[in-house]
């Protein structure tokens, strides 16, 4: 993911500035959080859950490609 409009580090300060965080400190904190998460940052979309729900409906582990395609088409039509 890429942040298009990156805020200045001063804009991240909330309330009274008891603690002032420099850009390098914020970057180190972000890297620590990301490494703790194993760099698993993924945007969840409705398509992320297709396999799960199709498996529940059909009682099969792997859904057929036609079912996945119909599900994606349904999601796209709903979004429109």
N, C-alpha and C. Protein backbone atom coordinates (compact mmCIF):
# COMPACT_ATOMS: atom_id res chain seq x y z
N UNK A 1 0.84 -1.17 0.00
CA UNK A 1 0.00 0.00 0.00
C UNK A 1 0.89 1.23 0.00
N UNK A 2 0.44 2.20 -0.68
CA UNK A 2 1.21 3.43 -0.76
C UNK A 2 0.35 4.59 -0.30
N UNK A 3 0.91 5.39 0.58
CA UNK A 3 0.18 6.55 1.07
C UNK A 3 0.43 7.70 0.11
N UNK A 4 -0.64 8.18 -0.50
CA UNK A 4 -0.52 9.21 -1.53
C UNK A 4 -0.22 10.56 -0.90
N UNK A 5 -0.92 10.88 0.17
CA UNK A 5 -0.75 12.18 0.82
C UNK A 5 -0.18 11.93 2.21
N UNK A 6 1.13 12.02 2.32
CA UNK A 6 1.81 11.72 3.58
C UNK A 6 1.78 12.96 4.48
N UNK A 7 1.24 12.82 5.70
CA UNK A 7 1.20 13.97 6.61
C UNK A 7 2.59 14.27 7.17
N UNK A 8 2.80 15.51 7.53
CA UNK A 8 4.05 15.89 8.18
C UNK A 8 4.04 15.33 9.60
N UNK A 9 5.22 15.07 10.15
CA UNK A 9 5.29 14.50 11.50
C UNK A 9 4.67 15.42 12.54
N UNK A 10 4.68 16.72 12.30
CA UNK A 10 4.08 17.68 13.22
C UNK A 10 2.56 17.49 13.27
N UNK A 11 1.97 17.10 12.12
CA UNK A 11 0.52 16.90 12.05
C UNK A 11 0.07 15.67 12.84
N UNK A 12 0.99 14.78 13.17
CA UNK A 12 0.65 13.57 13.92
C UNK A 12 0.57 13.82 15.42
N UNK A 13 1.00 14.99 15.85
CA UNK A 13 0.96 15.33 17.26
C UNK A 13 -0.48 15.65 17.65
N UNK A 14 -0.95 15.01 18.72
CA UNK A 14 -2.32 15.20 19.17
C UNK A 14 -2.30 15.81 20.57
N UNK A 15 -3.18 16.77 20.79
CA UNK A 15 -3.27 17.39 22.11
C UNK A 15 -2.06 18.24 22.41
N UNK A 16 -1.80 18.37 23.71
CA UNK A 16 -0.63 19.15 24.12
C UNK A 16 0.63 18.36 23.82
N UNK A 17 1.61 19.00 23.21
CA UNK A 17 2.82 18.27 22.82
C UNK A 17 3.75 17.97 24.00
N UNK A 18 3.32 17.01 24.86
CA UNK A 18 4.20 16.58 25.95
C UNK A 18 5.39 15.83 25.40
N UNK A 19 5.13 15.04 24.36
CA UNK A 19 6.18 14.28 23.71
C UNK A 19 6.24 14.71 22.25
N UNK A 20 7.43 14.99 21.79
CA UNK A 20 7.60 15.37 20.39
C UNK A 20 8.31 14.21 19.69
N UNK A 21 7.64 13.68 18.68
CA UNK A 21 8.21 12.57 17.93
C UNK A 21 8.81 13.08 16.63
N UNK A 22 10.04 12.75 16.40
CA UNK A 22 10.70 13.14 15.16
C UNK A 22 10.37 12.11 14.09
N UNK A 23 10.53 12.50 12.83
CA UNK A 23 10.18 11.63 11.70
C UNK A 23 10.92 10.28 11.78
N UNK A 24 12.17 10.30 12.18
CA UNK A 24 12.96 9.06 12.27
C UNK A 24 12.40 8.14 13.35
N UNK A 25 11.94 8.72 14.47
CA UNK A 25 11.36 7.92 15.55
C UNK A 25 10.05 7.29 15.10
N UNK A 26 9.23 8.03 14.38
CA UNK A 26 7.96 7.51 13.87
C UNK A 26 8.23 6.38 12.89
N UNK A 27 9.22 6.56 12.03
CA UNK A 27 9.56 5.52 11.07
C UNK A 27 10.01 4.24 11.78
N UNK A 28 10.81 4.38 12.82
CA UNK A 28 11.26 3.19 13.58
C UNK A 28 10.08 2.49 14.24
N UNK A 29 9.13 3.26 14.79
CA UNK A 29 7.94 2.66 15.40
C UNK A 29 7.10 1.93 14.35
N UNK A 30 6.93 2.54 13.18
CA UNK A 30 6.16 1.89 12.11
C UNK A 30 6.81 0.59 11.68
N UNK A 31 8.12 0.61 11.52
CA UNK A 31 8.84 -0.60 11.12
C UNK A 31 8.75 -1.69 12.19
N UNK A 32 8.75 -1.30 13.46
CA UNK A 32 8.61 -2.26 14.53
C UNK A 32 7.23 -2.92 14.51
N UNK A 33 6.19 -2.11 14.29
CA UNK A 33 4.82 -2.66 14.22
C UNK A 33 4.70 -3.59 13.02
N UNK A 34 5.22 -3.16 11.87
CA UNK A 34 5.14 -3.99 10.67
C UNK A 34 5.90 -5.30 10.83
N UNK A 35 7.06 -5.25 11.44
CA UNK A 35 7.82 -6.49 11.61
C UNK A 35 7.14 -7.41 12.62
N UNK A 36 6.48 -6.83 13.63
CA UNK A 36 5.73 -7.64 14.59
C UNK A 36 4.55 -8.32 13.90
N UNK A 37 3.92 -7.62 12.96
CA UNK A 37 2.80 -8.19 12.20
C UNK A 37 3.27 -9.13 11.10
N UNK A 38 4.58 -9.25 10.95
CA UNK A 38 5.10 -10.08 9.87
C UNK A 38 4.85 -9.46 8.51
N UNK A 39 4.72 -8.15 8.47
CA UNK A 39 4.49 -7.38 7.24
C UNK A 39 3.20 -7.83 6.55
N UNK A 40 2.27 -8.36 7.31
CA UNK A 40 1.01 -8.83 6.73
C UNK A 40 -0.03 -7.72 6.79
N UNK A 41 0.08 -6.81 5.88
CA UNK A 41 -0.89 -5.73 5.77
C UNK A 41 -1.62 -5.92 4.45
N UNK A 42 -2.85 -6.27 4.52
CA UNK A 42 -3.61 -6.55 3.32
C UNK A 42 -4.97 -5.88 3.44
N UNK A 43 -5.35 -5.21 2.40
CA UNK A 43 -6.67 -4.60 2.39
C UNK A 43 -7.71 -5.70 2.19
N UNK A 44 -8.67 -5.77 3.08
CA UNK A 44 -9.74 -6.75 2.96
C UNK A 44 -10.85 -6.19 2.09
N UNK A 45 -11.27 -6.97 1.14
CA UNK A 45 -12.36 -6.60 0.25
C UNK A 45 -13.40 -7.71 0.30
N UNK A 46 -14.57 -7.48 -0.28
CA UNK A 46 -15.56 -8.57 -0.32
C UNK A 46 -15.01 -9.82 -1.00
N UNK A 47 -14.12 -9.64 -1.95
CA UNK A 47 -13.54 -10.80 -2.66
C UNK A 47 -12.66 -11.65 -1.74
N UNK A 48 -12.20 -11.07 -0.65
CA UNK A 48 -11.37 -11.82 0.29
C UNK A 48 -12.15 -12.95 0.97
N UNK A 49 -13.47 -12.84 0.97
CA UNK A 49 -14.30 -13.80 1.69
C UNK A 49 -15.04 -14.78 0.79
N UNK A 50 -14.84 -14.69 -0.52
CA UNK A 50 -15.56 -15.55 -1.46
C UNK A 50 -15.31 -17.02 -1.16
N UNK A 51 -14.04 -17.41 -1.04
CA UNK A 51 -13.71 -18.82 -0.78
C UNK A 51 -14.38 -19.33 0.49
N UNK A 52 -14.35 -18.51 1.51
CA UNK A 52 -14.92 -18.91 2.81
C UNK A 52 -16.42 -19.20 2.67
N UNK A 53 -17.14 -18.25 2.09
CA UNK A 53 -18.60 -18.42 2.00
C UNK A 53 -18.99 -19.53 1.02
N UNK A 54 -18.26 -19.65 -0.08
CA UNK A 54 -18.58 -20.73 -1.02
C UNK A 54 -18.31 -22.09 -0.39
N UNK A 55 -17.28 -22.19 0.43
CA UNK A 55 -17.00 -23.45 1.12
C UNK A 55 -18.12 -23.79 2.11
N UNK A 56 -18.67 -22.76 2.76
CA UNK A 56 -19.78 -22.99 3.70
C UNK A 56 -21.05 -23.42 2.97
N UNK A 57 -21.30 -22.84 1.82
CA UNK A 57 -22.51 -23.14 1.07
C UNK A 57 -22.44 -24.53 0.43
N UNK A 58 -21.28 -24.84 -0.17
CA UNK A 58 -21.19 -26.08 -0.94
C UNK A 58 -20.58 -27.24 -0.15
N UNK A 59 -20.08 -26.99 1.02
CA UNK A 59 -19.44 -28.02 1.86
C UNK A 59 -18.22 -28.63 1.18
N UNK A 60 -17.61 -27.92 0.26
CA UNK A 60 -16.38 -28.36 -0.39
C UNK A 60 -15.25 -27.42 0.00
N UNK A 61 -14.03 -27.95 0.04
CA UNK A 61 -12.90 -27.13 0.44
C UNK A 61 -12.54 -26.10 -0.62
N UNK A 62 -12.58 -26.51 -1.88
CA UNK A 62 -12.18 -25.62 -2.98
C UNK A 62 -13.38 -25.35 -3.89
N UNK A 63 -13.65 -24.08 -4.07
CA UNK A 63 -14.79 -23.69 -4.90
C UNK A 63 -14.42 -23.80 -6.38
N UNK A 64 -15.42 -24.03 -7.20
CA UNK A 64 -15.21 -24.10 -8.64
C UNK A 64 -14.97 -22.69 -9.18
N UNK A 65 -14.22 -22.63 -10.28
CA UNK A 65 -13.90 -21.33 -10.88
C UNK A 65 -15.16 -20.61 -11.33
N UNK A 66 -16.15 -21.36 -11.81
CA UNK A 66 -17.38 -20.72 -12.27
C UNK A 66 -18.13 -20.07 -11.10
N UNK A 67 -18.10 -20.71 -9.93
CA UNK A 67 -18.75 -20.13 -8.74
C UNK A 67 -18.03 -18.87 -8.29
N UNK A 68 -16.71 -18.90 -8.36
CA UNK A 68 -15.93 -17.72 -7.97
C UNK A 68 -16.21 -16.59 -8.95
N UNK A 69 -16.25 -16.90 -10.24
CA UNK A 69 -16.51 -15.87 -11.26
C UNK A 69 -17.89 -15.26 -11.08
N UNK A 70 -18.89 -16.09 -10.80
CA UNK A 70 -20.25 -15.57 -10.57
C UNK A 70 -20.29 -14.69 -9.32
N UNK A 71 -19.55 -15.09 -8.29
CA UNK A 71 -19.51 -14.31 -7.05
C UNK A 71 -18.86 -12.95 -7.28
N UNK A 72 -17.76 -12.94 -8.01
CA UNK A 72 -17.08 -11.67 -8.32
C UNK A 72 -18.00 -10.78 -9.14
N UNK A 73 -18.69 -11.36 -10.12
CA UNK A 73 -19.62 -10.58 -10.94
C UNK A 73 -20.75 -10.00 -10.10
N UNK A 74 -21.26 -10.77 -9.15
CA UNK A 74 -22.30 -10.28 -8.26
C UNK A 74 -21.80 -9.11 -7.42
N UNK A 75 -20.60 -9.25 -6.88
CA UNK A 75 -20.02 -8.17 -6.06
C UNK A 75 -19.86 -6.90 -6.91
N UNK A 76 -19.35 -7.05 -8.11
CA UNK A 76 -19.14 -5.88 -8.99
C UNK A 76 -20.46 -5.23 -9.36
N UNK A 77 -21.51 -6.03 -9.60
CA UNK A 77 -22.82 -5.47 -9.91
C UNK A 77 -23.41 -4.72 -8.72
N UNK A 78 -23.20 -5.24 -7.53
CA UNK A 78 -23.70 -4.57 -6.33
C UNK A 78 -22.99 -3.24 -6.12
N UNK A 79 -21.69 -3.22 -6.40
CA UNK A 79 -20.91 -1.98 -6.23
C UNK A 79 -21.41 -0.89 -7.17
N UNK A 80 -21.77 -1.28 -8.39
CA UNK A 80 -22.28 -0.30 -9.37
C UNK A 80 -23.52 0.37 -8.83
